[in-house]
Amino acid sequence: MASQFKREIPFLKARNVMLVISAILIVLSLVGIVTRGLTFGIEFSGGTSIDFKGTGSVTTEQMREAFAEQGQSEALVQTALTDNQEGFLVRTAVVDPNQANQDAAKVAEKLGLGQDSYTVTTIGPGWGADVSKSSLIAFLVAIGLIIAWITIRFEFKMSITGISSLFHDLIILTGVYAWTGFEVTPNVIAALLTIMGYSLYDTVVVFHRINENAQDKTFSQGKTFMQIANTSLNEVFVRTINTTITSLVPVVAMLFFGGETLKDFAFAMSLGLILGSYSSIGIATPLYALWKGLEPEWKKAQKKFGQQKA
């Protein structure tokens, strides 16, 4: 099939640059994960979330001091908007519901807020452990099914390089959360699992086109595998961009106009969609083309037509 472009974009000529950039981002992400760690929401670690609304002129510092007086000096205080009313979202390590309600009542009294101005949610550490376990199982099962499906539908090399690009996306996204200190909540985990689907979709579209072009003897004659991969990328590039943009529009809308819960999901999804589109071009395809190029048939083509390589 002829490329959609009169002149191809030489994506794979920049493969070394793209791979090096990705390697640097992965290293930085791992450094952040190891040195700074992740901030898990109370759904994972257990604790109390207190949602204050209609707090008027109360400042973040006043709210923090009020909780410190209750022995909760480590309380995380964030501004929030609930039912179009300014307020605060406060998270503490308290896992006793009675203690959590007493603390909230005393803080509300000190700050001159009514007893109906807050909502207390307490989650025990056992429930958080169950959520963590379920999330890990879901992730591992998804990875196993993806490898099996791509191997059966295409080939093993595609499944491994596809999963490599997926881990690239997930590690960098996790690194962003480590460096920024944003909380990892069940909504973020849900976004990560959703991103796996989007990322693999872009990659599989490219792999499918590469597979078709490589098997077309008329098309592939006189070309290296790297050239075939580059042409295939060009043929699906517009589709990838259109898919990414149409997926990003509603997600970005959620990020800017959604509530706090939606913003957690939307932020992770926005980054994931961008990373997924990039990794199908900059990670999955170059790695697959390099690995595939080691096969005898394509080694031979490389020697013969290598001076024209992408």
C-alpha atoms as a PDB file:
ATOM      1  CA  MET A   1       0.000   0.000   0.000  1.00  0.00           C
ATOM      2  CA  ALA A   2       1.379   3.389  -0.886  1.00  0.00           C
ATOM      3  CA  SER A   3       2.138   5.845   1.875  1.00  0.00           C
ATOM      4  CA  GLN A   4      -0.349   8.636   2.523  1.00  0.00           C
ATOM      5  CA  PHE A   5       2.534  11.088   2.309  1.00  0.00           C
ATOM      6  CA  LYS A   6       4.232  12.106  -0.949  1.00  0.00           C
ATOM      7  CA  ARG A   7       7.378  12.384   1.101  1.00  0.00           C
ATOM      8  CA  GLU A   8       7.674  10.171   4.129  1.00  0.00           C
ATOM      9  CA  ILE A   9       8.470  11.543   7.558  1.00  0.00           C
ATOM     10  CA  PRO A  10      11.719   9.765   8.544  1.00  0.00           C
ATOM     11  CA  PHE A  11      10.538   8.746  12.017  1.00  0.00           C
ATOM     12  CA  LEU A  12      12.955   5.860  12.361  1.00  0.00           C
ATOM     13  CA  LYS A  13      15.996   7.878  11.379  1.00  0.00           C
ATOM     14  CA  ALA A  14      15.548   9.479  14.794  1.00  0.00           C
ATOM     15  CA  ARG A  15      15.063   6.137  16.547  1.00  0.00           C
ATOM     16  CA  ASN A  16      18.277   6.434  18.583  1.00  0.00           C
ATOM     17  CA  VAL A  17      17.346   9.920  19.745  1.00  0.00           C
ATOM     18  CA  MET A  18      13.838   8.811  20.727  1.00  0.00           C
ATOM     19  CA  LEU A  19      15.118   5.742  22.556  1.00  0.00           C
ATOM     20  CA  VAL A  20      17.753   7.765  24.437  1.00  0.00           C
ATOM     21  CA  ILE A  21      15.189  10.405  25.464  1.00  0.00           C
ATOM     22  CA  SER A  22      12.856   7.676  26.692  1.00  0.00           C
ATOM     23  CA  ALA A  23      15.687   5.975  28.578  1.00  0.00           C
ATOM     24  CA  ILE A  24      16.526   9.263  30.333  1.00  0.00           C
ATOM     25  CA  LEU A  25      12.861   9.809  31.270  1.00  0.00           C
ATOM     26  CA  ILE A  26      12.607   6.258  32.614  1.00  0.00           C
ATOM     27  CA  VAL A  27      15.752   6.693  34.724  1.00  0.00           C
ATOM     28  CA  LEU A  28      14.473  10.009  36.113  1.00  0.00           C
ATOM     29  CA  SER A  29      11.128   8.380  36.862  1.00  0.00           C
ATOM     30  CA  LEU A  30      12.737   5.452  38.671  1.00  0.00           C
ATOM     31  CA  VAL A  31      14.922   7.848  40.680  1.00  0.00           C
ATOM     32  CA  GLY A  32      11.796   9.744  41.716  1.00  0.00           C
ATOM     33  CA  ILE A  33       9.948   6.547  42.640  1.00  0.00           C
ATOM     34  CA  VAL A  34      12.883   5.263  44.726  1.00  0.00           C
ATOM     35  CA  THR A  35      13.906   8.523  46.415  1.00  0.00           C
ATOM     36  CA  ARG A  36      10.570  10.290  46.844  1.00  0.00           C
ATOM     37  CA  GLY A  37       8.150   7.388  46.762  1.00  0.00           C
ATOM     38  CA  LEU A  38       4.454   7.606  45.946  1.00  0.00           C
ATOM     39  CA  THR A  39       1.771   9.337  47.957  1.00  0.00           C
ATOM     40  CA  PHE A  40      -1.094   6.882  48.234  1.00  0.00           C
ATOM     41  CA  GLY A  41      -4.638   7.980  48.941  1.00  0.00           C
ATOM     42  CA  ILE A  42      -6.437   6.787  52.023  1.00  0.00           C
ATOM     43  CA  GLU A  43      -8.139   4.129  49.901  1.00  0.00           C
ATOM     44  CA  PHE A  44      -4.786   2.313  49.856  1.00  0.00           C
ATOM     45  CA  SER A  45      -3.085   3.326  53.091  1.00  0.00           C
ATOM     46  CA  GLY A  46      -6.128   3.751  55.298  1.00  0.00           C
ATOM     47  CA  GLY A  47      -7.079   6.976  57.078  1.00  0.00           C
ATOM     48  CA  THR A  48      -9.704   9.691  57.128  1.00  0.00           C
ATOM     49  CA  SER A  49     -10.885  12.158  54.530  1.00  0.00           C
ATOM     50  CA  ILE A  50     -12.855  15.196  55.744  1.00  0.00           C
ATOM     51  CA  ASP A  51     -14.621  17.323  53.169  1.00  0.00           C
ATOM     52  CA  PHE A  52     -15.386  20.857  54.426  1.00  0.00           C
ATOM     53  CA  LYS A  53     -17.681  23.082  52.375  1.00  0.00           C
ATOM     54  CA  GLY A  54     -18.863  26.657  52.752  1.00  0.00           C
ATOM     55  CA  THR A  55     -15.785  27.598  54.778  1.00  0.00           C
ATOM     56  CA  GLY A  56     -15.994  31.293  53.873  1.00  0.00           C
ATOM     57  CA  SER A  57     -12.881  33.257  54.836  1.00  0.00           C
ATOM     58  CA  VAL A  58     -11.123  30.348  56.591  1.00  0.00           C
ATOM     59  CA  THR A  59      -7.554  30.029  55.294  1.00  0.00           C
ATOM     60  CA  THR A  60      -5.491  26.926  54.639  1.00  0.00           C
ATOM     61  CA  GLU A  61      -3.155  27.864  57.488  1.00  0.00           C
ATOM     62  CA  GLN A  62      -6.067  28.234  59.941  1.00  0.00           C
ATOM     63  CA  MET A  63      -7.406  24.834  58.936  1.00  0.00           C
ATOM     64  CA  ARG A  64      -3.962  23.275  59.323  1.00  0.00           C
ATOM     65  CA  GLU A  65      -3.444  24.844  62.756  1.00  0.00           C
ATOM     66  CA  ALA A  66      -6.873  23.665  63.929  1.00  0.00           C
ATOM     67  CA  PHE A  67      -6.015  20.072  63.066  1.00  0.00           C
ATOM     68  CA  ALA A  68      -2.569  20.412  64.649  1.00  0.00           C
ATOM     69  CA  GLU A  69      -4.284  21.315  67.928  1.00  0.00           C
ATOM     70  CA  GLN A  70      -6.096  17.952  67.691  1.00  0.00           C
ATOM     71  CA  GLY A  71      -2.778  16.157  67.357  1.00  0.00           C
ATOM     72  CA  GLN A  72      -3.012  15.893  63.572  1.00  0.00           C
ATOM     73  CA  SER A  73      -0.008  18.041  62.627  1.00  0.00           C
ATOM     74  CA  GLU A  74       0.626  15.849  59.550  1.00  0.00           C
ATOM     75  CA  ALA A  75      -2.857  16.448  58.140  1.00  0.00           C
ATOM     76  CA  LEU A  76      -2.876  17.155  54.412  1.00  0.00           C
ATOM     77  CA  VAL A  77      -5.008  20.225  53.700  1.00  0.00           C
ATOM     78  CA  GLN A  78      -6.104  21.061  50.159  1.00  0.00           C
ATOM     79  CA  THR A  79      -8.525  23.642  48.856  1.00  0.00           C
ATOM     80  CA  ALA A  80     -11.579  22.181  47.156  1.00  0.00           C
ATOM     81  CA  LEU A  81     -14.853  23.169  45.500  1.00  0.00           C
ATOM     82  CA  THR A  82     -17.897  21.176  46.606  1.00  0.00           C
ATOM     83  CA  ASP A  83     -21.394  21.970  45.286  1.00  0.00           C
ATOM     84  CA  ASN A  84     -19.999  25.279  43.991  1.00  0.00           C
ATOM     85  CA  GLN A  85     -18.921  26.188  47.523  1.00  0.00           C
ATOM     86  CA  GLU A  86     -15.318  26.863  48.473  1.00  0.00           C
ATOM     87  CA  GLY A  87     -13.947  24.492  51.039  1.00  0.00           C
ATOM     88  CA  PHE A  88     -11.159  22.126  52.009  1.00  0.00           C
ATOM     89  CA  LEU A  89     -10.320  18.466  51.630  1.00  0.00           C
ATOM     90  CA  VAL A  90      -8.367  17.292  54.680  1.00  0.00           C
ATOM     91  CA  ARG A  91      -6.733  13.888  54.945  1.00  0.00           C
ATOM     92  CA  THR A  92      -5.350  12.407  58.149  1.00  0.00           C
ATOM     93  CA  ALA A  93      -3.903   9.066  59.238  1.00  0.00           C
ATOM     94  CA  VAL A  94      -6.698   8.457  61.779  1.00  0.00           C
ATOM     95  CA  VAL A  95      -8.419   5.100  61.192  1.00  0.00           C
ATOM     96  CA  ASP A  96     -10.788   5.196  64.193  1.00  0.00           C
ATOM     97  CA  PRO A  97     -14.160   6.583  62.970  1.00  0.00           C
ATOM     98  CA  ASN A  98     -15.085   7.947  66.423  1.00  0.00           C
ATOM     99  CA  GLN A  99     -11.784   9.791  66.783  1.00  0.00           C
ATOM    100  CA  ALA A 100     -12.070  11.142  63.226  1.00  0.00           C
ATOM    101  CA  ASN A 101     -15.583  12.523  63.876  1.00  0.00           C
ATOM    102  CA  GLN A 102     -14.502  14.080  67.173  1.00  0.00           C
ATOM    103  CA  ASP A 103     -11.536  15.797  65.512  1.00  0.00           C
ATOM    104  CA  ALA A 104     -13.729  17.139  62.710  1.00  0.00           C
ATOM    105  CA  ALA A 105     -16.332  18.442  65.151  1.00  0.00           C
ATOM    106  CA  LYS A 106     -13.724  20.248  67.270  1.00  0.00           C
ATOM    107  CA  VAL A 107     -12.083  21.797  64.208  1.00  0.00           C
ATOM    108  CA  ALA A 108     -15.458  22.977  62.890  1.00  0.00           C
ATOM    109  CA  GLU A 109     -16.287  24.495  66.286  1.00  0.00           C
ATOM    110  CA  LYS A 110     -12.943  26.285  66.518  1.00  0.00           C
ATOM    111  CA  LEU A 111     -13.301  27.758  63.039  1.00  0.00           C
ATOM    112  CA  GLY A 112     -16.941  28.777  63.560  1.00  0.00           C
ATOM    113  CA  LEU A 113     -18.322  26.274  61.058  1.00  0.00           C
ATOM    114  CA  GLY A 114     -21.610  24.427  61.401  1.00  0.00           C
ATOM    115  CA  GLN A 115     -21.887  20.713  62.120  1.00  0.00           C
ATOM    116  CA  ASP A 116     -23.358  20.226  58.641  1.00  0.00           C
ATOM    117  CA  SER A 117     -20.348  21.859  56.962  1.00  0.00           C
ATOM    118  CA  TYR A 118     -18.247  18.680  56.780  1.00  0.00           C
ATOM    119  CA  THR A 119     -18.410  15.032  55.785  1.00  0.00           C
ATOM    120  CA  VAL A 120     -16.114  12.428  57.332  1.00  0.00           C
ATOM    121  CA  THR A 121     -15.020   9.281  55.499  1.00  0.00           C
ATOM    122  CA  THR A 122     -12.806   6.761  57.288  1.00  0.00           C
ATOM    123  CA  ILE A 123     -11.194   3.746  55.639  1.00  0.00           C
ATOM    124  CA  GLY A 124      -9.358   1.004  57.496  1.00  0.00           C
ATOM    125  CA  PRO A 125      -5.951  -0.299  56.327  1.00  0.00           C
ATOM    126  CA  GLY A 126      -7.435  -3.748  55.608  1.00  0.00           C
ATOM    127  CA  TRP A 127      -9.701  -2.352  52.898  1.00  0.00           C
ATOM    128  CA  GLY A 128      -6.750  -0.508  51.359  1.00  0.00           C
ATOM    129  CA  ALA A 129      -4.727  -3.729  51.257  1.00  0.00           C
ATOM    130  CA  ASP A 130      -7.597  -5.447  49.414  1.00  0.00           C
ATOM    131  CA  VAL A 131      -7.745  -2.629  46.862  1.00  0.00           C
ATOM    132  CA  SER A 132      -3.966  -2.835  46.302  1.00  0.00           C
ATOM    133  CA  LYS A 133      -4.125  -6.603  45.846  1.00  0.00           C
ATOM    134  CA  SER A 134      -7.059  -6.391  43.427  1.00  0.00           C
ATOM    135  CA  SER A 135      -5.325  -3.677  41.393  1.00  0.00           C
ATOM    136  CA  LEU A 136      -2.137  -5.742  41.136  1.00  0.00           C
ATOM    137  CA  ILE A 137      -4.054  -8.853  40.066  1.00  0.00           C
ATOM    138  CA  ALA A 138      -5.974  -6.870  37.440  1.00  0.00           C
ATOM    139  CA  PHE A 139      -2.708  -5.453  36.082  1.00  0.00           C
ATOM    140  CA  LEU A 140      -0.924  -8.820  35.888  1.00  0.00           C
ATOM    141  CA  VAL A 141      -3.908 -10.547  34.272  1.00  0.00           C
ATOM    142  CA  ALA A 142      -4.177  -7.741  31.701  1.00  0.00           C
ATOM    143  CA  ILE A 143      -0.457  -7.996  30.855  1.00  0.00           C
ATOM    144  CA  GLY A 144      -0.694 -11.787  30.451  1.00  0.00           C
ATOM    145  CA  LEU A 145      -3.755 -11.571  28.188  1.00  0.00           C
ATOM    146  CA  ILE A 146      -2.154  -8.845  26.074  1.00  0.00           C
ATOM    147  CA  ILE A 147       1.017 -10.895  25.517  1.00  0.00           C
ATOM    148  CA  ALA A 148      -1.036 -13.983  24.640  1.00  0.00           C
ATOM    149  CA  TRP A 149      -3.345 -12.163  22.234  1.00  0.00           C
ATOM    150  CA  ILE A 150      -0.618 -10.275  20.325  1.00  0.00           C
ATOM    151  CA  THR A 151       1.502 -13.449  20.116  1.00  0.00           C
ATOM    152  CA  ILE A 152      -1.411 -15.451  18.684  1.00  0.00           C
ATOM    153  CA  ARG A 153      -2.609 -12.675  16.372  1.00  0.00           C
ATOM    154  CA  PHE A 154       0.837 -11.532  15.195  1.00  0.00           C
ATOM    155  CA  GLU A 155       4.050 -12.857  16.763  1.00  0.00           C
ATOM    156  CA  PHE A 156       5.978 -13.022  20.026  1.00  0.00           C
ATOM    157  CA  LYS A 157       8.398 -10.231  19.099  1.00  0.00           C
ATOM    158  CA  MET A 158       5.472  -7.865  18.674  1.00  0.00           C
ATOM    159  CA  SER A 159       4.000  -8.788  22.046  1.00  0.00           C
ATOM    160  CA  ILE A 160       7.276  -8.173  23.898  1.00  0.00           C
ATOM    161  CA  THR A 161       8.047  -4.851  22.205  1.00  0.00           C
ATOM    162  CA  GLY A 162       4.421  -3.778  22.627  1.00  0.00           C
ATOM    163  CA  ILE A 163       4.566  -4.533  26.347  1.00  0.00           C
ATOM    164  CA  SER A 164       7.913  -2.703  26.543  1.00  0.00           C
ATOM    165  CA  SER A 165       6.290   0.463  25.208  1.00  0.00           C
ATOM    166  CA  LEU A 166       3.432  -0.019  27.661  1.00  0.00           C
ATOM    167  CA  PHE A 167       5.825  -0.261  30.625  1.00  0.00           C
ATOM    168  CA  HIS A 168       7.575   2.840  29.260  1.00  0.00           C
ATOM    169  CA  ASP A 169       4.285   4.745  29.539  1.00  0.00           C
ATOM    170  CA  LEU A 170       3.383   3.433  32.978  1.00  0.00           C
ATOM    171  CA  ILE A 171       6.848   4.006  34.498  1.00  0.00           C
ATOM    172  CA  ILE A 172       7.078   7.593  33.257  1.00  0.00           C
ATOM    173  CA  LEU A 173       3.522   8.353  34.399  1.00  0.00           C
ATOM    174  CA  THR A 174       4.278   6.865  37.822  1.00  0.00           C
ATOM    175  CA  GLY A 175       7.445   8.964  37.921  1.00  0.00           C
ATOM    176  CA  VAL A 176       5.390  12.101  37.346  1.00  0.00           C
ATOM    177  CA  TYR A 177       3.298  11.203  40.389  1.00  0.00           C
ATOM    178  CA  ALA A 178       6.450  10.571  42.424  1.00  0.00           C
ATOM    179  CA  TRP A 179       8.062  13.902  41.546  1.00  0.00           C
ATOM    180  CA  THR A 180       4.879  15.984  41.856  1.00  0.00           C
ATOM    181  CA  GLY A 181       3.617  14.280  45.019  1.00  0.00           C
ATOM    182  CA  PHE A 182       0.121  13.910  43.565  1.00  0.00           C
ATOM    183  CA  GLU A 183      -1.922  11.246  45.338  1.00  0.00           C
ATOM    184  CA  VAL A 184      -2.332   7.816  43.798  1.00  0.00           C
ATOM    185  CA  THR A 185      -6.011   6.935  44.203  1.00  0.00           C
ATOM    186  CA  PRO A 186      -8.203   4.146  42.811  1.00  0.00           C
ATOM    187  CA  ASN A 187      -9.192   6.597  40.067  1.00  0.00           C
ATOM    188  CA  VAL A 188      -5.550   6.871  39.037  1.00  0.00           C
ATOM    189  CA  ILE A 189      -5.252   3.072  38.978  1.00  0.00           C
ATOM    190  CA  ALA A 190      -8.391   2.893  36.844  1.00  0.00           C
ATOM    191  CA  ALA A 191      -6.817   5.435  34.484  1.00  0.00           C
ATOM    192  CA  LEU A 192      -3.597   3.394  34.283  1.00  0.00           C
ATOM    193  CA  LEU A 193      -5.536   0.259  33.336  1.00  0.00           C
ATOM    194  CA  THR A 194      -7.501   2.256  30.742  1.00  0.00           C
ATOM    195  CA  ILE A 195      -4.264   3.710  29.360  1.00  0.00           C
ATOM    196  CA  MET A 196      -3.009   0.176  28.780  1.00  0.00           C
ATOM    197  CA  GLY A 197      -5.830  -0.302  26.302  1.00  0.00           C
ATOM    198  CA  TYR A 198      -5.277   3.007  24.502  1.00  0.00           C
ATOM    199  CA  SER A 199      -1.505   2.547  24.335  1.00  0.00           C
ATOM    200  CA  LEU A 200      -1.776  -0.989  22.992  1.00  0.00           C
ATOM    201  CA  TYR A 201      -4.431   0.095  20.476  1.00  0.00           C
ATOM    202  CA  ASP A 202      -2.057   2.572  18.815  1.00  0.00           C
ATOM    203  CA  THR A 203       0.760   0.026  18.853  1.00  0.00           C
ATOM    204  CA  VAL A 204      -1.352  -2.779  17.408  1.00  0.00           C
ATOM    205  CA  VAL A 205      -2.570  -0.509  14.597  1.00  0.00           C
ATOM    206  CA  VAL A 206       1.053   0.172  13.610  1.00  0.00           C
ATOM    207  CA  PHE A 207       2.050  -3.494  13.978  1.00  0.00           C
ATOM    208  CA  HIS A 208      -0.883  -4.592  11.840  1.00  0.00           C
ATOM    209  CA  ARG A 209       0.186  -2.290   9.017  1.00  0.00           C
ATOM    210  CA  ILE A 210       3.828  -3.395   9.307  1.00  0.00           C
ATOM    211  CA  ASN A 211       2.720  -7.028   9.166  1.00  0.00           C
ATOM    212  CA  GLU A 212       0.611  -6.424   6.051  1.00  0.00           C
ATOM    213  CA  ASN A 213       3.374  -4.530   4.252  1.00  0.00           C
ATOM    214  CA  ALA A 214       6.090  -7.040   5.188  1.00  0.00           C
ATOM    215  CA  GLN A 215       4.002  -9.930   3.836  1.00  0.00           C
ATOM    216  CA  ASP A 216       3.272  -8.093   0.589  1.00  0.00           C
ATOM    217  CA  LYS A 217       6.163  -9.334  -1.569  1.00  0.00           C
ATOM    218  CA  THR A 218       5.540  -6.691  -4.223  1.00  0.00           C
ATOM    219  CA  PHE A 219       5.673  -3.909  -1.636  1.00  0.00           C
ATOM    220  CA  SER A 220       8.545  -5.274   0.467  1.00  0.00           C
ATOM    221  CA  GLN A 221      10.835  -6.190  -2.420  1.00  0.00           C
ATOM    222  CA  GLY A 222      13.999  -4.079  -2.382  1.00  0.00           C
ATOM    223  CA  LYS A 223      13.383  -2.686   1.105  1.00  0.00           C
ATOM    224  CA  THR A 224      14.908  -3.223   4.530  1.00  0.00           C
ATOM    225  CA  PHE A 225      12.595  -4.005   7.416  1.00  0.00           C
ATOM    226  CA  MET A 226      13.355  -0.566   8.871  1.00  0.00           C
ATOM    227  CA  GLN A 227      12.106   1.048   5.662  1.00  0.00           C
ATOM    228  CA  ILE A 228       8.934  -1.026   5.721  1.00  0.00           C
ATOM    229  CA  ALA A 229       8.319  -0.059   9.354  1.00  0.00           C
ATOM    230  CA  ASN A 230       8.856   3.627   8.603  1.00  0.00           C
ATOM    231  CA  THR A 231       6.468   3.565   5.654  1.00  0.00           C
ATOM    232  CA  SER A 232       3.888   1.765   7.792  1.00  0.00           C
ATOM    233  CA  LEU A 233       4.201   4.424  10.487  1.00  0.00           C
ATOM    234  CA  ASN A 234       3.560   7.132   7.924  1.00  0.00           C
ATOM    235  CA  GLU A 235       0.482   5.329   6.659  1.00  0.00           C
ATOM    236  CA  VAL A 236      -1.186   5.240  10.090  1.00  0.00           C
ATOM    237  CA  PHE A 237       0.236   8.476  11.515  1.00  0.00           C
ATOM    238  CA  VAL A 238      -2.786  10.641  10.716  1.00  0.00           C
ATOM    239  CA  ARG A 239      -5.082   8.004  12.210  1.00  0.00           C
ATOM    240  CA  THR A 240      -3.015   7.964  15.394  1.00  0.00           C
ATOM    241  CA  ILE A 241      -3.123  11.751  15.718  1.00  0.00           C
ATOM    242  CA  ASN A 242      -6.881  11.886  15.067  1.00  0.00           C
ATOM    243  CA  THR A 243      -7.559   9.140  17.610  1.00  0.00           C
ATOM    244  CA  THR A 244      -5.398  10.848  20.232  1.00  0.00           C
ATOM    245  CA  ILE A 245      -6.978  14.269  19.753  1.00  0.00           C
ATOM    246  CA  THR A 246     -10.561  12.997  19.812  1.00  0.00           C
ATOM    247  CA  SER A 247      -9.765  11.014  22.970  1.00  0.00           C
ATOM    248  CA  LEU A 248      -8.000  13.945  24.626  1.00  0.00           C
ATOM    249  CA  VAL A 249     -10.773  16.515  24.123  1.00  0.00           C
ATOM    250  CA  PRO A 250     -13.292  15.037  26.618  1.00  0.00           C
ATOM    251  CA  VAL A 251     -10.501  14.057  29.028  1.00  0.00           C
ATOM    252  CA  VAL A 252      -9.058  17.589  29.069  1.00  0.00           C
ATOM    253  CA  ALA A 253     -12.579  18.935  29.580  1.00  0.00           C
ATOM    254  CA  MET A 254     -12.880  16.697  32.664  1.00  0.00           C
ATOM    255  CA  LEU A 255      -9.473  17.900  33.864  1.00  0.00           C
ATOM    256  CA  PHE A 256     -10.438  21.587  33.791  1.00  0.00           C
ATOM    257  CA  PHE A 257     -14.150  21.466  34.548  1.00  0.00           C
ATOM    258  CA  GLY A 258     -14.718  18.197  36.438  1.00  0.00           C
ATOM    259  CA  GLY A 259     -14.838  17.703  40.184  1.00  0.00           C
ATOM    260  CA  GLU A 260     -11.914  16.548  42.293  1.00  0.00           C
ATOM    261  CA  THR A 261     -12.688  12.873  41.660  1.00  0.00           C
ATOM    262  CA  LEU A 262     -12.820  13.325  37.896  1.00  0.00           C
ATOM    263  CA  LYS A 263      -9.628  15.390  37.888  1.00  0.00           C
ATOM    264  CA  ASP A 264      -7.634  12.499  39.371  1.00  0.00           C
ATOM    265  CA  PHE A 265      -8.746  10.276  36.519  1.00  0.00           C
ATOM    266  CA  ALA A 266      -8.437  12.957  33.828  1.00  0.00           C
ATOM    267  CA  PHE A 267      -4.878  14.002  34.739  1.00  0.00           C
ATOM    268  CA  ALA A 268      -3.557  10.445  34.518  1.00  0.00           C
ATOM    269  CA  MET A 269      -5.506   9.801  31.314  1.00  0.00           C
ATOM    270  CA  SER A 270      -4.238  12.978  29.620  1.00  0.00           C
ATOM    271  CA  LEU A 271      -0.600  12.115  30.250  1.00  0.00           C
ATOM    272  CA  GLY A 272      -1.207   8.468  29.365  1.00  0.00           C
ATOM    273  CA  LEU A 273      -2.815   9.254  26.013  1.00  0.00           C
ATOM    274  CA  ILE A 274       0.083  11.483  24.999  1.00  0.00           C
ATOM    275  CA  LEU A 275       2.692   8.961  26.158  1.00  0.00           C
ATOM    276  CA  GLY A 276       0.820   6.113  24.456  1.00  0.00           C
ATOM    277  CA  SER A 277       0.799   7.872  21.102  1.00  0.00           C
ATOM    278  CA  TYR A 278       4.486   8.713  21.404  1.00  0.00           C
ATOM    279  CA  SER A 279       5.592   5.256  22.521  1.00  0.00           C
ATOM    280  CA  SER A 280       3.958   3.499  19.586  1.00  0.00           C
ATOM    281  CA  ILE A 281       6.170   5.625  17.312  1.00  0.00           C
ATOM    282  CA  GLY A 282       9.279   6.117  19.447  1.00  0.00           C
ATOM    283  CA  ILE A 283       9.516   2.847  21.381  1.00  0.00           C
ATOM    284  CA  ALA A 284       7.435  -0.074  20.099  1.00  0.00           C
ATOM    285  CA  THR A 285       8.126   0.326  16.380  1.00  0.00           C
ATOM    286  CA  PRO A 286      11.911   0.989  16.594  1.00  0.00           C
ATOM    287  CA  LEU A 287      12.445  -1.884  19.041  1.00  0.00           C
ATOM    288  CA  TYR A 288      10.401  -4.263  16.920  1.00  0.00           C
ATOM    289  CA  ALA A 289      12.125  -3.196  13.686  1.00  0.00           C
ATOM    290  CA  LEU A 290      15.585  -3.593  15.264  1.00  0.00           C
ATOM    291  CA  TRP A 291      14.723  -7.043  16.641  1.00  0.00           C
ATOM    292  CA  LYS A 292      13.033  -8.191  13.457  1.00  0.00           C
ATOM    293  CA  GLY A 293      15.986  -6.954  11.427  1.00  0.00           C
ATOM    294  CA  LEU A 294      18.176  -9.605  13.087  1.00  0.00           C
ATOM    295  CA  GLU A 295      16.295 -12.406  11.303  1.00  0.00           C
ATOM    296  CA  PRO A 296      18.277 -13.951   8.395  1.00  0.00           C
ATOM    297  CA  GLU A 297      15.853 -12.770   5.699  1.00  0.00           C
ATOM    298  CA  TRP A 298      15.950  -9.168   6.848  1.00  0.00           C
ATOM    299  CA  LYS A 299      19.655  -9.238   7.661  1.00  0.00           C
ATOM    300  CA  LYS A 300      20.211 -10.120   4.038  1.00  0.00           C
ATOM    301  CA  ALA A 301      17.987  -7.248   2.884  1.00  0.00           C
ATOM    302  CA  GLN A 302      19.842  -4.894   5.221  1.00  0.00           C
ATOM    303  CA  LYS A 303      23.195  -5.796   3.679  1.00  0.00           C
ATOM    304  CA  LYS A 304      21.818  -5.354   0.180  1.00  0.00           C
ATOM    305  CA  PHE A 305      19.710  -2.224   0.602  1.00  0.00           C
ATOM    306  CA  GLY A 306      21.162  -0.826   3.823  1.00  0.00           C
ATOM    307  CA  GLN A 307      22.478   2.321   2.185  1.00  0.00           C
ATOM    308  CA  GLN A 308      18.822   3.356   1.760  1.00  0.00           C
ATOM    309  CA  LYS A 309      17.791   2.472   5.308  1.00  0.00           C
ATOM    310  CA  ALA A 310      15.379   4.653   7.257  1.00  0.00           C
END
